[in-house]
Amino acid sequence: MEKTKKFLKKIGIEEVSADYVSSKRFDDGGQFRFEVPGIQSPKTMKALLDEAGKNDIFIHRVTQTKGIMMLTDEEIMEMVGLAKEYGCELFLAVGPRATYDTSATVNTKEGSRIGYRLRGYDNLVYAIEDVKRACRLGVRGILLYDEGLLWVLSKMREESEIPNNVHFKLSAHAGHSNPGSAKLLEETGLDSLNPVRDLQIPMIAAIRDACDMTLDLHTENPKSTGGFIRHYEVPKFIKVAAPVYLKTGGSVAANHNWDTTEAEAIARIKQVKLVKRMIDEYYPDAIASPDKSSDLAVPE
């Protein structure tokens, strides 16, 4: 084992100590940001941001998960406008995925392991078209589920086929959970990784130590992914995983593609408030990214 560990260290993957603390930060100096996922429409996004303002809480990132192709141009432009006015990031999910195409395999127990990845040439083309449409409408944050699509889009970004300030985020549904995967994805062009939801603190620390891109960690989960709530672990998330997005409000939804109502959007802000209380009480020195930071991928 020692020989294996020595080689891993040589390529930038080390065993971390039990008291590991990340010294990495966002470019604005912050350790953490708040992200609310599962906001599928303009009206729920408005309700969310209005409620955040009433509670003096700043949401750094809003994420839609059903897919770009499930939104009209008018809906996308309205969400872009809300994000620009508020000063937050807006990430839209790629629409084409195995669960939406003709695959019967994906609906079986074993076939479900392919997750939301893309099947075949045509679906790769469709996914790229989905992303190009969002970019044309001003979106600068894209939620991905497929590593091959990430590779292609990264090449397109390098060659200015899509804007060079677009940020790519990979979903927990892609199933990545170790430092080797994190390094591979970062080298492929990923900007933000959401590892699987149930990793223990030392596992998260090992991923953070191996890469510099931001990590996105679920502080709670919908019933469909276990329903577990990790609020008391949030101070540890920040210490070991900074720079980190705290993905909050998931327990309000039944599943990943849940159509959040306006009332549920308001309930998600309560969950953010509960997480903030944990930070204020147990890690008061934690540094949040500033509101409307220039480091955010705000729509254009």
C-alpha atoms as a PDB file:
ATOM      1  CA  MET A   1       0.000   0.000   0.000  1.00  0.00           C
ATOM      2  CA  GLU A   2       2.810   2.423   0.782  1.00  0.00           C
ATOM      3  CA  LYS A   3       4.110   2.192  -2.783  1.00  0.00           C
ATOM      4  CA  THR A   4       0.615   3.004  -4.093  1.00  0.00           C
ATOM      5  CA  LYS A   5       0.275   5.937  -1.702  1.00  0.00           C
ATOM      6  CA  LYS A   6       3.679   7.235  -2.745  1.00  0.00           C
ATOM      7  CA  PHE A   7       2.641   7.213  -6.398  1.00  0.00           C
ATOM      8  CA  LEU A   8      -0.686   8.904  -5.632  1.00  0.00           C
ATOM      9  CA  LYS A   9       1.192  11.640  -3.768  1.00  0.00           C
ATOM     10  CA  LYS A  10       3.438  12.097  -6.800  1.00  0.00           C
ATOM     11  CA  ILE A  11       0.399  12.841  -8.988  1.00  0.00           C
ATOM     12  CA  GLY A  12      -1.227  15.171  -6.449  1.00  0.00           C
ATOM     13  CA  ILE A  13      -3.476  12.855  -4.449  1.00  0.00           C
ATOM     14  CA  GLU A  14      -2.600  12.602  -0.772  1.00  0.00           C
ATOM     15  CA  GLU A  15      -4.050  11.049   2.347  1.00  0.00           C
ATOM     16  CA  VAL A  16      -5.258  13.923   4.506  1.00  0.00           C
ATOM     17  CA  SER A  17      -5.021  14.187   8.278  1.00  0.00           C
ATOM     18  CA  ALA A  18      -8.030  14.093  10.597  1.00  0.00           C
ATOM     19  CA  ASP A  19      -7.596  17.798  11.365  1.00  0.00           C
ATOM     20  CA  TYR A  20      -7.352  18.896   7.719  1.00  0.00           C
ATOM     21  CA  VAL A  21      -8.469  22.482   7.063  1.00  0.00           C
ATOM     22  CA  SER A  22      -8.670  23.935   3.562  1.00  0.00           C
ATOM     23  CA  SER A  23      -6.724  27.135   2.966  1.00  0.00           C
ATOM     24  CA  LYS A  24      -8.311  27.562  -0.476  1.00  0.00           C
ATOM     25  CA  ARG A  25     -10.775  30.375  -1.138  1.00  0.00           C
ATOM     26  CA  PHE A  26     -12.981  31.907  -3.817  1.00  0.00           C
ATOM     27  CA  ASP A  27     -11.256  34.692  -5.716  1.00  0.00           C
ATOM     28  CA  ASP A  28     -13.234  37.192  -3.607  1.00  0.00           C
ATOM     29  CA  GLY A  29     -11.760  35.711  -0.395  1.00  0.00           C
ATOM     30  CA  GLY A  30     -14.899  33.853   0.689  1.00  0.00           C
ATOM     31  CA  GLN A  31     -15.003  30.324   2.058  1.00  0.00           C
ATOM     32  CA  PHE A  32     -18.635  29.549   1.314  1.00  0.00           C
ATOM     33  CA  ARG A  33     -21.668  30.542  -0.720  1.00  0.00           C
ATOM     34  CA  PHE A  34     -25.336  29.581  -0.635  1.00  0.00           C
ATOM     35  CA  GLU A  35     -26.915  27.697  -3.526  1.00  0.00           C
ATOM     36  CA  VAL A  36     -30.578  26.763  -3.851  1.00  0.00           C
ATOM     37  CA  PRO A  37     -31.242  24.001  -6.401  1.00  0.00           C
ATOM     38  CA  GLY A  38     -34.458  22.795  -7.999  1.00  0.00           C
ATOM     39  CA  ILE A  39     -35.880  26.207  -8.938  1.00  0.00           C
ATOM     40  CA  GLN A  40     -37.629  25.363 -12.189  1.00  0.00           C
ATOM     41  CA  SER A  41     -39.480  28.524 -13.224  1.00  0.00           C
ATOM     42  CA  PRO A  42     -39.362  32.329 -13.109  1.00  0.00           C
ATOM     43  CA  LYS A  43     -42.214  32.621 -10.619  1.00  0.00           C
ATOM     44  CA  THR A  44     -40.574  30.295  -8.095  1.00  0.00           C
ATOM     45  CA  MET A  45     -37.227  32.033  -8.628  1.00  0.00           C
ATOM     46  CA  LYS A  46     -38.827  35.404  -7.909  1.00  0.00           C
ATOM     47  CA  ALA A  47     -40.531  34.048  -4.783  1.00  0.00           C
ATOM     48  CA  LEU A  48     -37.206  32.605  -3.613  1.00  0.00           C
ATOM     49  CA  LEU A  49     -35.211  35.804  -4.127  1.00  0.00           C
ATOM     50  CA  ASP A  50     -37.942  38.005  -2.639  1.00  0.00           C
ATOM     51  CA  GLU A  51     -38.035  35.827   0.490  1.00  0.00           C
ATOM     52  CA  ALA A  52     -34.239  35.864   0.716  1.00  0.00           C
ATOM     53  CA  GLY A  53     -34.330  39.662   0.702  1.00  0.00           C
ATOM     54  CA  LYS A  54     -36.944  39.732   3.467  1.00  0.00           C
ATOM     55  CA  ASN A  55     -34.676  37.539   5.620  1.00  0.00           C
ATOM     56  CA  ASP A  56     -31.468  39.463   4.841  1.00  0.00           C
ATOM     57  CA  ILE A  57     -29.950  36.355   3.246  1.00  0.00           C
ATOM     58  CA  PHE A  58     -28.018  36.472  -0.028  1.00  0.00           C
ATOM     59  CA  ILE A  59     -28.328  33.517  -2.398  1.00  0.00           C
ATOM     60  CA  HIS A  60     -25.210  33.276  -4.557  1.00  0.00           C
ATOM     61  CA  ARG A  61     -26.476  30.644  -6.985  1.00  0.00           C
ATOM     62  CA  VAL A  62     -29.886  29.477  -8.199  1.00  0.00           C
ATOM     63  CA  THR A  63     -29.979  26.164 -10.083  1.00  0.00           C
ATOM     64  CA  GLN A  64     -32.659  24.776 -12.383  1.00  0.00           C
ATOM     65  CA  THR A  65     -32.575  20.992 -12.788  1.00  0.00           C
ATOM     66  CA  LYS A  66     -35.322  19.901 -15.237  1.00  0.00           C
ATOM     67  CA  GLY A  67     -33.460  21.015 -18.341  1.00  0.00           C
ATOM     68  CA  ILE A  68     -33.021  24.000 -20.646  1.00  0.00           C
ATOM     69  CA  MET A  69     -35.296  22.413 -23.258  1.00  0.00           C
ATOM     70  CA  MET A  70     -38.156  22.439 -20.721  1.00  0.00           C
ATOM     71  CA  LEU A  71     -38.139  26.263 -20.626  1.00  0.00           C
ATOM     72  CA  THR A  72     -39.418  28.712 -23.241  1.00  0.00           C
ATOM     73  CA  ASP A  73     -37.175  31.545 -24.423  1.00  0.00           C
ATOM     74  CA  GLU A  74     -39.388  33.955 -22.507  1.00  0.00           C
ATOM     75  CA  GLU A  75     -38.979  31.955 -19.272  1.00  0.00           C
ATOM     76  CA  ILE A  76     -35.199  31.784 -19.666  1.00  0.00           C
ATOM     77  CA  MET A  77     -34.976  35.521 -20.351  1.00  0.00           C
ATOM     78  CA  GLU A  78     -37.135  36.253 -17.311  1.00  0.00           C
ATOM     79  CA  MET A  79     -34.900  34.101 -15.091  1.00  0.00           C
ATOM     80  CA  VAL A  80     -31.818  35.773 -16.593  1.00  0.00           C
ATOM     81  CA  GLY A  81     -33.344  39.165 -15.796  1.00  0.00           C
ATOM     82  CA  LEU A  82     -34.104  38.150 -12.199  1.00  0.00           C
ATOM     83  CA  ALA A  83     -30.543  36.899 -11.701  1.00  0.00           C
ATOM     84  CA  LYS A  84     -29.007  40.045 -13.190  1.00  0.00           C
ATOM     85  CA  GLU A  85     -31.175  42.344 -11.068  1.00  0.00           C
ATOM     86  CA  TYR A  86     -30.472  40.366  -7.891  1.00  0.00           C
ATOM     87  CA  GLY A  87     -26.799  39.745  -8.705  1.00  0.00           C
ATOM     88  CA  CYS A  88     -26.694  35.947  -8.409  1.00  0.00           C
ATOM     89  CA  GLU A  89     -25.587  33.093 -10.620  1.00  0.00           C
ATOM     90  CA  LEU A  90     -28.158  31.198 -12.654  1.00  0.00           C
ATOM     91  CA  PHE A  91     -27.315  27.623 -13.638  1.00  0.00           C
ATOM     92  CA  LEU A  92     -29.573  25.811 -16.071  1.00  0.00           C
ATOM     93  CA  ALA A  93     -29.393  22.044 -16.562  1.00  0.00           C
ATOM     94  CA  VAL A  94     -28.777  20.365 -19.897  1.00  0.00           C
ATOM     95  CA  GLY A  95     -32.081  18.916 -21.102  1.00  0.00           C
ATOM     96  CA  PRO A  96     -31.245  15.820 -23.186  1.00  0.00           C
ATOM     97  CA  ARG A  97     -30.396  12.903 -20.908  1.00  0.00           C
ATOM     98  CA  ALA A  98     -31.001   9.169 -20.870  1.00  0.00           C
ATOM     99  CA  THR A  99     -34.173   9.484 -18.783  1.00  0.00           C
ATOM    100  CA  TYR A 100     -35.738  11.754 -21.396  1.00  0.00           C
ATOM    101  CA  ASP A 101     -34.908   9.771 -24.546  1.00  0.00           C
ATOM    102  CA  THR A 102     -36.143   6.372 -25.758  1.00  0.00           C
ATOM    103  CA  SER A 103     -33.983   4.319 -23.391  1.00  0.00           C
ATOM    104  CA  ALA A 104     -35.821   1.534 -21.606  1.00  0.00           C
ATOM    105  CA  THR A 105     -32.571   0.427 -19.972  1.00  0.00           C
ATOM    106  CA  VAL A 106     -32.273   3.524 -17.820  1.00  0.00           C
ATOM    107  CA  ASN A 107     -35.560   2.676 -16.107  1.00  0.00           C
ATOM    108  CA  THR A 108     -34.299  -0.702 -14.886  1.00  0.00           C
ATOM    109  CA  LYS A 109     -32.474  -1.243 -11.603  1.00  0.00           C
ATOM    110  CA  GLU A 110     -29.107  -1.989 -13.207  1.00  0.00           C
ATOM    111  CA  GLY A 111     -29.591   0.377 -16.129  1.00  0.00           C
ATOM    112  CA  SER A 112     -30.178   3.273 -13.762  1.00  0.00           C
ATOM    113  CA  ARG A 113     -26.422   3.366 -13.237  1.00  0.00           C
ATOM    114  CA  ILE A 114     -26.067   5.245 -16.525  1.00  0.00           C
ATOM    115  CA  GLY A 115     -27.908   8.054 -14.773  1.00  0.00           C
ATOM    116  CA  TYR A 116     -28.546  11.172 -16.834  1.00  0.00           C
ATOM    117  CA  ARG A 117     -25.675  10.572 -19.281  1.00  0.00           C
ATOM    118  CA  LEU A 118     -26.143  10.957 -23.027  1.00  0.00           C
ATOM    119  CA  ARG A 119     -26.758   8.062 -25.420  1.00  0.00           C
ATOM    120  CA  GLY A 120     -25.386   8.250 -28.963  1.00  0.00           C
ATOM    121  CA  TYR A 121     -24.282  10.966 -31.381  1.00  0.00           C
ATOM    122  CA  ASP A 122     -27.645  12.663 -31.846  1.00  0.00           C
ATOM    123  CA  ASN A 123     -28.206  13.213 -28.146  1.00  0.00           C
ATOM    124  CA  LEU A 124     -24.723  14.729 -27.835  1.00  0.00           C
ATOM    125  CA  VAL A 125     -25.644  17.175 -30.626  1.00  0.00           C
ATOM    126  CA  TYR A 126     -28.992  17.953 -28.971  1.00  0.00           C
ATOM    127  CA  ALA A 127     -27.263  18.643 -25.644  1.00  0.00           C
ATOM    128  CA  ILE A 128     -24.788  21.033 -27.271  1.00  0.00           C
ATOM    129  CA  GLU A 129     -27.669  22.850 -28.979  1.00  0.00           C
ATOM    130  CA  ASP A 130     -29.395  23.130 -25.586  1.00  0.00           C
ATOM    131  CA  VAL A 131     -26.309  24.792 -24.123  1.00  0.00           C
ATOM    132  CA  LYS A 132     -25.797  27.131 -27.095  1.00  0.00           C
ATOM    133  CA  ARG A 133     -29.403  28.302 -26.801  1.00  0.00           C
ATOM    134  CA  ALA A 134     -29.009  29.108 -23.107  1.00  0.00           C
ATOM    135  CA  CYS A 135     -25.780  30.987 -23.784  1.00  0.00           C
ATOM    136  CA  ARG A 136     -27.438  33.054 -26.542  1.00  0.00           C
ATOM    137  CA  LEU A 137     -30.080  34.104 -24.025  1.00  0.00           C
ATOM    138  CA  GLY A 138     -27.436  35.268 -21.527  1.00  0.00           C
ATOM    139  CA  VAL A 139     -26.978  32.240 -19.257  1.00  0.00           C
ATOM    140  CA  ARG A 140     -23.415  31.769 -18.024  1.00  0.00           C
ATOM    141  CA  GLY A 141     -23.828  28.719 -15.777  1.00  0.00           C
ATOM    142  CA  ILE A 142     -24.529  25.217 -17.130  1.00  0.00           C
ATOM    143  CA  LEU A 143     -25.332  22.142 -15.047  1.00  0.00           C
ATOM    144  CA  LEU A 144     -24.002  18.968 -16.699  1.00  0.00           C
ATOM    145  CA  TYR A 145     -24.546  15.249 -16.133  1.00  0.00           C
ATOM    146  CA  ASP A 146     -22.177  13.752 -18.691  1.00  0.00           C
ATOM    147  CA  GLU A 147     -18.361  13.792 -18.694  1.00  0.00           C
ATOM    148  CA  GLY A 148     -18.155  13.443 -22.473  1.00  0.00           C
ATOM    149  CA  LEU A 149     -20.343  16.510 -22.902  1.00  0.00           C
ATOM    150  CA  LEU A 150     -18.070  18.377 -20.475  1.00  0.00           C
ATOM    151  CA  TRP A 151     -15.052  17.484 -22.623  1.00  0.00           C
ATOM    152  CA  VAL A 152     -16.737  18.700 -25.820  1.00  0.00           C
ATOM    153  CA  LEU A 153     -18.066  21.917 -24.252  1.00  0.00           C
ATOM    154  CA  SER A 154     -14.667  22.658 -22.735  1.00  0.00           C
ATOM    155  CA  LYS A 155     -13.132  22.407 -26.218  1.00  0.00           C
ATOM    156  CA  MET A 156     -15.865  24.681 -27.562  1.00  0.00           C
ATOM    157  CA  ARG A 157     -15.203  27.216 -24.801  1.00  0.00           C
ATOM    158  CA  GLU A 158     -11.486  27.173 -25.595  1.00  0.00           C
ATOM    159  CA  GLU A 159     -12.240  27.905 -29.254  1.00  0.00           C
ATOM    160  CA  SER A 160     -14.912  30.558 -28.497  1.00  0.00           C
ATOM    161  CA  GLU A 161     -17.729  28.481 -29.981  1.00  0.00           C
ATOM    162  CA  ILE A 162     -19.492  29.317 -26.723  1.00  0.00           C
ATOM    163  CA  PRO A 163     -18.626  32.269 -24.439  1.00  0.00           C
ATOM    164  CA  ASN A 164     -15.332  31.852 -22.590  1.00  0.00           C
ATOM    165  CA  ASN A 165     -16.907  32.978 -19.304  1.00  0.00           C
ATOM    166  CA  VAL A 166     -19.438  30.143 -19.145  1.00  0.00           C
ATOM    167  CA  HIS A 167     -19.043  28.050 -15.990  1.00  0.00           C
ATOM    168  CA  PHE A 168     -19.617  24.288 -16.012  1.00  0.00           C
ATOM    169  CA  LYS A 169     -20.945  22.445 -12.979  1.00  0.00           C
ATOM    170  CA  LEU A 170     -21.285  18.637 -12.765  1.00  0.00           C
ATOM    171  CA  SER A 171     -24.219  17.122 -10.905  1.00  0.00           C
ATOM    172  CA  ALA A 172     -24.078  14.621  -8.043  1.00  0.00           C
ATOM    173  CA  HIS A 173     -26.095  12.382 -10.387  1.00  0.00           C
ATOM    174  CA  ALA A 174     -22.904  11.773 -12.356  1.00  0.00           C
ATOM    175  CA  GLY A 175     -21.748   9.759  -9.337  1.00  0.00           C
ATOM    176  CA  HIS A 176     -18.244  11.100  -8.634  1.00  0.00           C
ATOM    177  CA  SER A 177     -16.850  10.544  -5.161  1.00  0.00           C
ATOM    178  CA  ASN A 178     -13.042  10.319  -5.056  1.00  0.00           C
ATOM    179  CA  PRO A 179     -10.022  12.613  -5.582  1.00  0.00           C
ATOM    180  CA  GLY A 180      -8.936  10.866  -8.789  1.00  0.00           C
ATOM    181  CA  SER A 181     -12.271  11.666 -10.416  1.00  0.00           C
ATOM    182  CA  ALA A 182     -12.066  15.254  -9.175  1.00  0.00           C
ATOM    183  CA  LYS A 183      -8.638  15.782 -10.754  1.00  0.00           C
ATOM    184  CA  LEU A 184      -9.767  14.234 -14.041  1.00  0.00           C
ATOM    185  CA  LEU A 185     -12.845  16.457 -14.209  1.00  0.00           C
ATOM    186  CA  GLU A 186     -10.916  19.594 -13.294  1.00  0.00           C
ATOM    187  CA  GLU A 187      -8.325  18.876 -15.984  1.00  0.00           C
ATOM    188  CA  THR A 188     -11.201  18.368 -18.443  1.00  0.00           C
ATOM    189  CA  GLY A 189     -12.467  21.895 -17.778  1.00  0.00           C
ATOM    190  CA  LEU A 190     -14.943  21.578 -14.918  1.00  0.00           C
ATOM    191  CA  ASP A 191     -15.428  24.676 -12.748  1.00  0.00           C
ATOM    192  CA  SER A 192     -17.602  23.259  -9.969  1.00  0.00           C
ATOM    193  CA  LEU A 193     -18.105  19.668  -8.776  1.00  0.00           C
ATOM    194  CA  ASN A 194     -21.054  18.296  -6.867  1.00  0.00           C
ATOM    195  CA  PRO A 195     -19.795  14.965  -5.477  1.00  0.00           C
ATOM    196  CA  VAL A 196     -22.247  12.307  -4.330  1.00  0.00           C
ATOM    197  CA  ARG A 197     -24.322  13.410  -1.390  1.00  0.00           C
ATOM    198  CA  ASP A 198     -23.366  11.018   1.402  1.00  0.00           C
ATOM    199  CA  LEU A 199     -19.570  11.389   1.581  1.00  0.00           C
ATOM    200  CA  GLN A 200     -18.001  11.473   5.022  1.00  0.00           C
ATOM    201  CA  ILE A 201     -15.965  14.517   6.066  1.00  0.00           C
ATOM    202  CA  PRO A 202     -12.523  12.878   5.476  1.00  0.00           C
ATOM    203  CA  MET A 203     -13.663  11.800   1.992  1.00  0.00           C
ATOM    204  CA  ILE A 204     -14.664  15.385   1.189  1.00  0.00           C
ATOM    205  CA  ALA A 205     -11.343  16.652   2.554  1.00  0.00           C
ATOM    206  CA  ALA A 206      -9.393  14.307   0.274  1.00  0.00           C
ATOM    207  CA  ILE A 207     -11.268  15.595  -2.774  1.00  0.00           C
ATOM    208  CA  ARG A 208     -10.682  19.204  -1.778  1.00  0.00           C
ATOM    209  CA  ASP A 209      -6.977  18.629  -1.215  1.00  0.00           C
ATOM    210  CA  ALA A 210      -6.625  17.139  -4.703  1.00  0.00           C
ATOM    211  CA  CYS A 211      -8.310  19.939  -6.692  1.00  0.00           C
ATOM    212  CA  ASP A 212      -8.812  23.713  -6.739  1.00  0.00           C
ATOM    213  CA  MET A 213     -12.250  24.018  -8.361  1.00  0.00           C
ATOM    214  CA  THR A 214     -15.219  24.806  -6.160  1.00  0.00           C
ATOM    215  CA  LEU A 215     -17.174  21.994  -4.522  1.00  0.00           C
ATOM    216  CA  ASP A 216     -20.954  21.927  -4.137  1.00  0.00           C
ATOM    217  CA  LEU A 217     -22.196  20.028  -1.078  1.00  0.00           C
ATOM    218  CA  HIS A 218     -25.773  19.133  -0.184  1.00  0.00           C
ATOM    219  CA  THR A 219     -26.675  20.239   3.325  1.00  0.00           C
ATOM    220  CA  GLU A 220     -29.923  18.275   2.925  1.00  0.00           C
ATOM    221  CA  ASN A 221     -31.600  16.027   0.393  1.00  0.00           C
ATOM    222  CA  PRO A 222     -34.942  15.183  -1.196  1.00  0.00           C
ATOM    223  CA  LYS A 223     -36.631  11.956  -0.187  1.00  0.00           C
ATOM    224  CA  SER A 224     -35.630  10.351  -3.492  1.00  0.00           C
ATOM    225  CA  THR A 225     -31.912  10.567  -2.587  1.00  0.00           C
ATOM    226  CA  GLY A 226     -32.235   9.559   1.063  1.00  0.00           C
ATOM    227  CA  GLY A 227     -33.773  12.605   2.696  1.00  0.00           C
ATOM    228  CA  PHE A 228     -30.876  12.977   5.129  1.00  0.00           C
ATOM    229  CA  ILE A 229     -30.102  16.387   6.625  1.00  0.00           C
ATOM    230  CA  ARG A 230     -26.526  17.447   7.443  1.00  0.00           C
ATOM    231  CA  HIS A 231     -27.001  20.900   8.998  1.00  0.00           C
ATOM    232  CA  TYR A 232     -24.749  20.209  11.992  1.00  0.00           C
ATOM    233  CA  GLU A 233     -21.945  19.170   9.650  1.00  0.00           C
ATOM    234  CA  VAL A 234     -22.015  22.447   7.686  1.00  0.00           C
ATOM    235  CA  PRO A 235     -19.257  24.127   9.752  1.00  0.00           C
ATOM    236  CA  LYS A 236     -17.049  21.116   8.968  1.00  0.00           C
ATOM    237  CA  PHE A 237     -18.046  21.324   5.294  1.00  0.00           C
ATOM    238  CA  ILE A 238     -16.730  24.881   5.212  1.00  0.00           C
ATOM    239  CA  LYS A 239     -13.495  24.072   7.057  1.00  0.00           C
ATOM    240  CA  VAL A 240     -12.497  21.121   4.885  1.00  0.00           C
ATOM    241  CA  ALA A 241     -14.100  21.973   1.521  1.00  0.00           C
ATOM    242  CA  ALA A 242     -13.661  25.740   1.032  1.00  0.00           C
ATOM    243  CA  PRO A 243     -14.323  27.213  -1.463  1.00  0.00           C
ATOM    244  CA  VAL A 244     -17.716  25.543  -1.218  1.00  0.00           C
ATOM    245  CA  TYR A 245     -21.297  26.100  -2.305  1.00  0.00           C
ATOM    246  CA  LEU A 246     -23.759  24.972   0.366  1.00  0.00           C
ATOM    247  CA  LYS A 247     -26.696  23.429  -1.517  1.00  0.00           C
ATOM    248  CA  THR A 248     -29.674  24.044   0.707  1.00  0.00           C
ATOM    249  CA  GLY A 249     -33.417  23.528   0.571  1.00  0.00           C
ATOM    250  CA  GLY A 250     -33.452  20.088  -1.041  1.00  0.00           C
ATOM    251  CA  SER A 251     -35.513  18.459   1.702  1.00  0.00           C
ATOM    252  CA  VAL A 252     -38.484  20.559   0.588  1.00  0.00           C
ATOM    253  CA  ALA A 253     -38.606  18.603  -2.691  1.00  0.00           C
ATOM    254  CA  ALA A 254     -39.595  14.998  -3.310  1.00  0.00           C
ATOM    255  CA  ASN A 255     -37.031  14.460  -6.069  1.00  0.00           C
ATOM    256  CA  HIS A 256     -34.366  16.065  -8.269  1.00  0.00           C
ATOM    257  CA  ASN A 257     -36.792  17.363 -10.917  1.00  0.00           C
ATOM    258  CA  TRP A 258     -39.473  18.458  -8.470  1.00  0.00           C
ATOM    259  CA  ASP A 259     -41.605  21.396  -9.655  1.00  0.00           C
ATOM    260  CA  THR A 260     -41.057  23.669  -6.688  1.00  0.00           C
ATOM    261  CA  THR A 261     -44.054  25.872  -5.914  1.00  0.00           C
ATOM    262  CA  GLU A 262     -43.809  29.474  -4.762  1.00  0.00           C
ATOM    263  CA  ALA A 263     -44.686  28.378  -1.217  1.00  0.00           C
ATOM    264  CA  GLU A 264     -41.957  25.717  -1.358  1.00  0.00           C
ATOM    265  CA  ALA A 265     -39.457  28.287  -2.643  1.00  0.00           C
ATOM    266  CA  ILE A 266     -40.182  30.331   0.469  1.00  0.00           C
ATOM    267  CA  ALA A 267     -39.741  27.178   2.577  1.00  0.00           C
ATOM    268  CA  ARG A 268     -36.302  26.667   0.989  1.00  0.00           C
ATOM    269  CA  ILE A 269     -35.207  30.062   2.319  1.00  0.00           C
ATOM    270  CA  LYS A 270     -36.168  28.897   5.802  1.00  0.00           C
ATOM    271  CA  GLN A 271     -33.779  25.970   5.309  1.00  0.00           C
ATOM    272  CA  VAL A 272     -31.018  28.377   4.274  1.00  0.00           C
ATOM    273  CA  LYS A 273     -31.758  30.404   7.399  1.00  0.00           C
ATOM    274  CA  LEU A 274     -31.419  27.260   9.531  1.00  0.00           C
ATOM    275  CA  VAL A 275     -28.050  26.470   7.917  1.00  0.00           C
ATOM    276  CA  LYS A 276     -26.878  30.046   8.441  1.00  0.00           C
ATOM    277  CA  ARG A 277     -27.733  29.712  12.125  1.00  0.00           C
ATOM    278  CA  MET A 278     -25.438  26.699  12.360  1.00  0.00           C
ATOM    279  CA  ILE A 279     -22.600  28.697  10.814  1.00  0.00           C
ATOM    280  CA  ASP A 280     -23.205  31.712  13.055  1.00  0.00           C
ATOM    281  CA  GLU A 281     -23.217  29.559  16.187  1.00  0.00           C
ATOM    282  CA  TYR A 282     -20.546  26.954  15.487  1.00  0.00           C
ATOM    283  CA  TYR A 283     -18.204  28.676  13.031  1.00  0.00           C
ATOM    284  CA  PRO A 284     -18.769  32.439  13.425  1.00  0.00           C
ATOM    285  CA  ASP A 285     -15.376  33.218  11.851  1.00  0.00           C
ATOM    286  CA  ALA A 286     -16.348  31.576   8.556  1.00  0.00           C
ATOM    287  CA  ILE A 287     -16.111  34.017   5.655  1.00  0.00           C
ATOM    288  CA  ALA A 288     -19.035  34.213   3.248  1.00  0.00           C
ATOM    289  CA  SER A 289     -18.492  35.479  -0.284  1.00  0.00           C
ATOM    290  CA  PRO A 290     -19.716  39.070  -0.563  1.00  0.00           C
ATOM    291  CA  ASP A 291     -23.126  39.823  -2.016  1.00  0.00           C
ATOM    292  CA  LYS A 292     -22.997  40.434  -5.770  1.00  0.00           C
ATOM    293  CA  SER A 293     -19.324  39.482  -5.943  1.00  0.00           C
ATOM    294  CA  SER A 294     -17.583  40.104  -9.263  1.00  0.00           C
ATOM    295  CA  ASP A 295     -16.441  36.481  -8.997  1.00  0.00           C
ATOM    296  CA  LEU A 296     -19.973  35.177  -9.667  1.00  0.00           C
ATOM    297  CA  ALA A 297     -21.115  33.805 -13.037  1.00  0.00           C
ATOM    298  CA  VAL A 298     -24.010  36.261 -13.271  1.00  0.00           C
ATOM    299  CA  PRO A 299     -25.939  36.135 -16.586  1.00  0.00           C
ATOM    300  CA  GLU A 300     -25.168  38.685 -19.272  1.00  0.00           C
END
